[in-house]
Structures are given as C-alpha cells and as structure tokens.
Amino acid sequence: MTTTPATSSESDVLARITEVLHRLLDDCDPVPGGITPATRFVDDLDLESIDLVTLTGMLRAHYGEQVDFPGWFASLGLSEIARLTVGHLVRHIVDSLR
C-alpha cells in the first residue's frame, strides 16, 4: 500500500530510509552514531546490489511510482553506486516528490 505524502522534507525522508534500513538489517545498529546523510551504503552498511534492490522496493511501497528508483540507478555508473550515500537517496526522493 502506497502512502505517498504530497511532499516530504529531507528529515522525513531520512527517517523513513533509516526505518527501512533497520528492518532490512534486522534492527541492528549498523553504524556507530546512527545513520546520517553521509552514511555510505557499500562502505558503511556493507550492502550489496541485491540489498539496494530490496531497499528501494521497500521504499517504493511507501513512495509509489512517483519516485523512479530503477531509472535513477540506471543513470548512475558503477563507481557512483559504490560511493552512494543515504543523502544522495534522500535528495533523489525529495526532488522526485516536488
């Protein structure tokens, strides 16, 4: 069920991503000090590509079709995906909802 808010602030989106990451990572605290916009998916959270697919699938259930996760990932190069941060994803979602 999609519960897309008309607009979302960066702090709202960060909170949603953090919640989903905790579910994805079995509620462990994956990063000392918590997940921030600077948290890197690969280096800090040790996520693999299948984990990113799962993450975006869970976020799509909330944000719906308005946020094009597959298209966004397809536009990124491998090195960009390897350096991807939570902040990059937050900005993509917020920009898509505008």
N, C-alpha and C. Protein backbone atom coordinates (compact mmCIF):
# COMPACT_ATOMS: atom_id res chain seq x y z
N MET A 1 0.84 -1.18 0.00
CA MET A 1 0.00 0.00 0.00
C MET A 1 0.87 1.23 0.00
N THR A 2 0.65 2.11 -0.94
CA THR A 2 1.41 3.34 -1.04
C THR A 2 0.78 4.41 -0.16
N THR A 3 1.62 5.06 0.62
CA THR A 3 1.14 6.13 1.49
C THR A 3 1.90 7.40 1.18
N THR A 4 2.07 7.69 -0.09
CA THR A 4 2.90 8.82 -0.51
C THR A 4 2.39 10.14 0.04
N PRO A 5 3.21 10.83 0.80
CA PRO A 5 2.84 12.18 1.21
C PRO A 5 2.96 13.11 0.01
N ALA A 6 2.19 14.15 0.01
CA ALA A 6 2.24 15.11 -1.11
C ALA A 6 3.65 15.67 -1.27
N THR A 7 4.28 16.00 -0.18
CA THR A 7 5.68 16.42 -0.20
C THR A 7 6.34 15.83 1.04
N SER A 8 7.62 15.73 0.99
CA SER A 8 8.37 15.22 2.13
C SER A 8 9.61 16.05 2.33
N SER A 9 9.89 16.36 3.58
CA SER A 9 11.11 17.09 3.88
C SER A 9 12.27 16.10 3.91
N GLU A 10 13.47 16.62 3.82
CA GLU A 10 14.65 15.75 3.88
C GLU A 10 14.69 14.98 5.19
N SER A 11 14.29 15.62 6.29
CA SER A 11 14.32 14.91 7.58
C SER A 11 13.28 13.79 7.62
N ASP A 12 12.11 14.00 7.01
CA ASP A 12 11.10 12.94 6.94
C ASP A 12 11.60 11.76 6.12
N VAL A 13 12.21 12.06 4.98
CA VAL A 13 12.71 11.00 4.10
C VAL A 13 13.87 10.26 4.77
N LEU A 14 14.76 10.99 5.43
CA LEU A 14 15.86 10.35 6.15
C LEU A 14 15.32 9.41 7.22
N ALA A 15 14.30 9.84 7.94
CA ALA A 15 13.70 8.98 8.97
C ALA A 15 13.11 7.72 8.35
N ARG A 16 12.44 7.86 7.21
CA ARG A 16 11.85 6.70 6.54
C ARG A 16 12.94 5.74 6.07
N ILE A 17 14.00 6.26 5.45
CA ILE A 17 15.09 5.41 4.98
C ILE A 17 15.75 4.70 6.17
N THR A 18 15.97 5.41 7.25
CA THR A 18 16.57 4.82 8.44
C THR A 18 15.72 3.68 8.97
N GLU A 19 14.42 3.91 9.02
CA GLU A 19 13.49 2.87 9.49
C GLU A 19 13.58 1.63 8.60
N VAL A 20 13.56 1.83 7.30
CA VAL A 20 13.63 0.72 6.36
C VAL A 20 14.98 0.00 6.45
N LEU A 21 16.06 0.74 6.59
CA LEU A 21 17.38 0.12 6.73
C LEU A 21 17.46 -0.74 7.99
N HIS A 22 16.88 -0.26 9.08
CA HIS A 22 16.90 -1.05 10.31
C HIS A 22 16.12 -2.35 10.12
N ARG A 23 14.99 -2.29 9.40
CA ARG A 23 14.24 -3.52 9.11
C ARG A 23 15.06 -4.44 8.22
N LEU A 24 15.67 -3.88 7.21
CA LEU A 24 16.47 -4.65 6.26
C LEU A 24 17.67 -5.30 6.95
N LEU A 25 18.25 -4.61 7.89
CA LEU A 25 19.45 -5.09 8.58
C LEU A 25 19.11 -5.74 9.92
N ASP A 26 17.87 -6.19 10.07
CA ASP A 26 17.41 -6.90 11.28
C ASP A 26 17.56 -6.09 12.56
N ASP A 27 17.21 -4.80 12.48
CA ASP A 27 17.17 -3.92 13.64
C ASP A 27 18.51 -3.71 14.36
N CYS A 28 19.61 -4.12 13.76
CA CYS A 28 20.89 -3.86 14.40
C CYS A 28 21.27 -2.39 14.15
N ASP A 29 22.16 -1.87 14.95
CA ASP A 29 22.65 -0.51 14.74
C ASP A 29 23.84 -0.64 13.80
N PRO A 30 23.62 -0.43 12.50
CA PRO A 30 24.66 -0.72 11.53
C PRO A 30 25.85 0.24 11.54
N VAL A 31 25.67 1.43 12.09
CA VAL A 31 26.73 2.42 12.08
C VAL A 31 26.82 3.06 13.46
N PRO A 32 28.00 3.08 14.07
CA PRO A 32 28.12 3.80 15.34
C PRO A 32 27.67 5.25 15.16
N GLY A 33 26.82 5.71 16.04
CA GLY A 33 26.32 7.08 15.94
C GLY A 33 25.08 7.19 15.09
N GLY A 34 24.66 6.11 14.47
CA GLY A 34 23.42 6.12 13.70
C GLY A 34 23.62 6.44 12.23
N ILE A 35 22.56 6.25 11.48
CA ILE A 35 22.56 6.52 10.05
C ILE A 35 22.37 8.00 9.82
N THR A 36 23.24 8.58 8.99
CA THR A 36 23.18 10.00 8.66
C THR A 36 23.19 10.14 7.14
N PRO A 37 23.00 11.35 6.63
CA PRO A 37 23.10 11.54 5.18
C PRO A 37 24.47 11.13 4.62
N ALA A 38 25.51 11.16 5.42
CA ALA A 38 26.85 10.80 4.95
C ALA A 38 27.11 9.30 4.97
N THR A 39 26.20 8.52 5.54
CA THR A 39 26.38 7.07 5.60
C THR A 39 26.40 6.49 4.19
N ARG A 40 27.43 5.70 3.92
CA ARG A 40 27.57 5.08 2.60
C ARG A 40 26.98 3.68 2.62
N PHE A 41 26.20 3.38 1.59
CA PHE A 41 25.53 2.08 1.54
C PHE A 41 26.51 0.92 1.45
N VAL A 42 27.56 1.06 0.65
CA VAL A 42 28.51 -0.04 0.45
C VAL A 42 29.57 -0.06 1.55
N ASP A 43 30.27 1.05 1.74
CA ASP A 43 31.38 1.07 2.68
C ASP A 43 30.96 1.00 4.15
N ASP A 44 29.89 1.70 4.51
CA ASP A 44 29.49 1.76 5.92
C ASP A 44 28.48 0.67 6.30
N LEU A 45 27.54 0.39 5.39
CA LEU A 45 26.48 -0.57 5.71
C LEU A 45 26.74 -1.95 5.12
N ASP A 46 27.77 -2.04 4.28
CA ASP A 46 28.15 -3.31 3.65
C ASP A 46 26.99 -3.92 2.84
N LEU A 47 26.21 -3.05 2.19
CA LEU A 47 25.10 -3.54 1.37
C LEU A 47 25.63 -3.97 0.01
N GLU A 48 25.02 -4.99 -0.52
CA GLU A 48 25.31 -5.45 -1.87
C GLU A 48 24.20 -4.98 -2.79
N SER A 49 24.38 -5.19 -4.08
CA SER A 49 23.38 -4.69 -5.04
C SER A 49 22.00 -5.26 -4.77
N ILE A 50 21.90 -6.52 -4.38
CA ILE A 50 20.58 -7.10 -4.09
C ILE A 50 19.94 -6.42 -2.89
N ASP A 51 20.76 -5.98 -1.93
CA ASP A 51 20.24 -5.25 -0.77
C ASP A 51 19.68 -3.89 -1.19
N LEU A 52 20.34 -3.24 -2.14
CA LEU A 52 19.85 -1.95 -2.64
C LEU A 52 18.53 -2.13 -3.38
N VAL A 53 18.40 -3.23 -4.11
CA VAL A 53 17.15 -3.53 -4.80
C VAL A 53 16.04 -3.74 -3.76
N THR A 54 16.33 -4.48 -2.72
CA THR A 54 15.35 -4.72 -1.65
C THR A 54 14.98 -3.41 -0.97
N LEU A 55 15.98 -2.59 -0.66
CA LEU A 55 15.74 -1.29 -0.02
C LEU A 55 14.82 -0.43 -0.87
N THR A 56 15.13 -0.31 -2.16
CA THR A 56 14.30 0.55 -3.00
C THR A 56 12.91 -0.04 -3.21
N GLY A 57 12.79 -1.35 -3.19
CA GLY A 57 11.47 -1.97 -3.27
C GLY A 57 10.63 -1.63 -2.05
N MET A 58 11.25 -1.65 -0.89
CA MET A 58 10.54 -1.30 0.35
C MET A 58 10.16 0.18 0.34
N LEU A 59 11.04 1.03 -0.16
CA LEU A 59 10.74 2.46 -0.23
C LEU A 59 9.67 2.74 -1.28
N ARG A 60 9.67 1.99 -2.38
CA ARG A 60 8.66 2.16 -3.42
C ARG A 60 7.26 1.86 -2.87
N ALA A 61 7.18 0.91 -1.93
CA ALA A 61 5.90 0.59 -1.32
C ALA A 61 5.34 1.81 -0.57
N HIS A 62 6.22 2.66 -0.11
CA HIS A 62 5.79 3.87 0.61
C HIS A 62 5.58 5.05 -0.34
N TYR A 63 6.54 5.28 -1.22
CA TYR A 63 6.51 6.48 -2.07
C TYR A 63 5.81 6.28 -3.41
N GLY A 64 5.63 5.05 -3.83
CA GLY A 64 4.90 4.78 -5.06
C GLY A 64 5.71 5.06 -6.32
N GLU A 65 5.01 5.13 -7.42
CA GLU A 65 5.62 5.28 -8.74
C GLU A 65 6.22 6.66 -8.98
N GLN A 66 5.89 7.63 -8.15
CA GLN A 66 6.39 8.98 -8.35
C GLN A 66 7.92 9.04 -8.23
N VAL A 67 8.49 8.13 -7.46
CA VAL A 67 9.94 8.07 -7.29
C VAL A 67 10.45 6.90 -8.15
N ASP A 68 11.18 7.23 -9.21
CA ASP A 68 11.67 6.23 -10.15
C ASP A 68 13.03 5.71 -9.70
N PHE A 69 13.01 4.71 -8.83
CA PHE A 69 14.27 4.14 -8.34
C PHE A 69 15.04 3.42 -9.45
N PRO A 70 14.40 2.54 -10.24
CA PRO A 70 15.17 1.84 -11.28
C PRO A 70 15.81 2.80 -12.29
N GLY A 71 15.08 3.80 -12.72
CA GLY A 71 15.62 4.77 -13.66
C GLY A 71 16.79 5.54 -13.09
N TRP A 72 16.68 5.89 -11.82
CA TRP A 72 17.75 6.63 -11.16
C TRP A 72 19.01 5.78 -11.06
N PHE A 73 18.86 4.53 -10.61
CA PHE A 73 20.02 3.65 -10.52
C PHE A 73 20.63 3.40 -11.89
N ALA A 74 19.80 3.26 -12.91
CA ALA A 74 20.30 3.03 -14.26
C ALA A 74 21.11 4.22 -14.77
N SER A 75 20.83 5.41 -14.25
CA SER A 75 21.55 6.61 -14.69
C SER A 75 22.90 6.75 -14.00
N LEU A 76 23.17 5.93 -12.99
CA LEU A 76 24.41 6.01 -12.23
C LEU A 76 25.44 5.02 -12.76
N GLY A 77 26.69 5.40 -12.73
CA GLY A 77 27.77 4.49 -13.07
C GLY A 77 28.11 3.61 -11.88
N LEU A 78 28.85 2.55 -12.11
CA LEU A 78 29.22 1.63 -11.04
C LEU A 78 29.98 2.33 -9.92
N SER A 79 30.89 3.24 -10.27
CA SER A 79 31.64 3.94 -9.22
C SER A 79 30.73 4.86 -8.41
N GLU A 80 29.72 5.44 -9.06
CA GLU A 80 28.76 6.29 -8.33
C GLU A 80 27.92 5.46 -7.37
N ILE A 81 27.51 4.29 -7.82
CA ILE A 81 26.73 3.41 -6.95
C ILE A 81 27.58 2.95 -5.77
N ALA A 82 28.84 2.67 -6.02
CA ALA A 82 29.74 2.24 -4.94
C ALA A 82 29.93 3.33 -3.89
N ARG A 83 29.83 4.61 -4.28
CA ARG A 83 30.00 5.73 -3.35
C ARG A 83 28.68 6.32 -2.88
N LEU A 84 27.58 5.71 -3.22
CA LEU A 84 26.25 6.23 -2.92
C LEU A 84 26.04 6.36 -1.42
N THR A 85 25.51 7.52 -1.02
CA THR A 85 25.22 7.77 0.40
C THR A 85 23.72 7.84 0.63
N VAL A 86 23.36 7.76 1.87
CA VAL A 86 21.95 7.93 2.25
C VAL A 86 21.47 9.31 1.80
N GLY A 87 22.32 10.32 1.91
CA GLY A 87 21.96 11.67 1.49
C GLY A 87 21.62 11.76 0.02
N HIS A 88 22.36 11.02 -0.82
CA HIS A 88 22.04 11.00 -2.26
C HIS A 88 20.62 10.47 -2.47
N LEU A 89 20.29 9.39 -1.77
CA LEU A 89 18.96 8.79 -1.91
C LEU A 89 17.88 9.73 -1.37
N VAL A 90 18.16 10.37 -0.25
CA VAL A 90 17.22 11.34 0.32
C VAL A 90 16.91 12.43 -0.70
N ARG A 91 17.96 13.01 -1.28
CA ARG A 91 17.76 14.09 -2.26
C ARG A 91 17.00 13.62 -3.49
N HIS A 92 17.27 12.41 -3.95
CA HIS A 92 16.54 11.87 -5.10
C HIS A 92 15.05 11.77 -4.78
N ILE A 93 14.72 11.26 -3.62
CA ILE A 93 13.31 11.11 -3.24
C ILE A 93 12.64 12.47 -3.10
N VAL A 94 13.28 13.38 -2.38
CA VAL A 94 12.69 14.71 -2.17
C VAL A 94 12.49 15.42 -3.51
N ASP A 95 13.50 15.37 -4.38
CA ASP A 95 13.38 16.00 -5.69
C ASP A 95 12.27 15.37 -6.53
N SER A 96 12.11 14.07 -6.44
CA SER A 96 11.07 13.37 -7.20
C SER A 96 9.68 13.74 -6.73
N LEU A 97 9.54 14.04 -5.46
CA LEU A 97 8.22 14.36 -4.89
C LEU A 97 7.83 15.82 -5.10
N ARG A 98 8.74 16.62 -5.61
CA ARG A 98 8.44 18.05 -5.85
C ARG A 98 7.61 18.21 -7.09
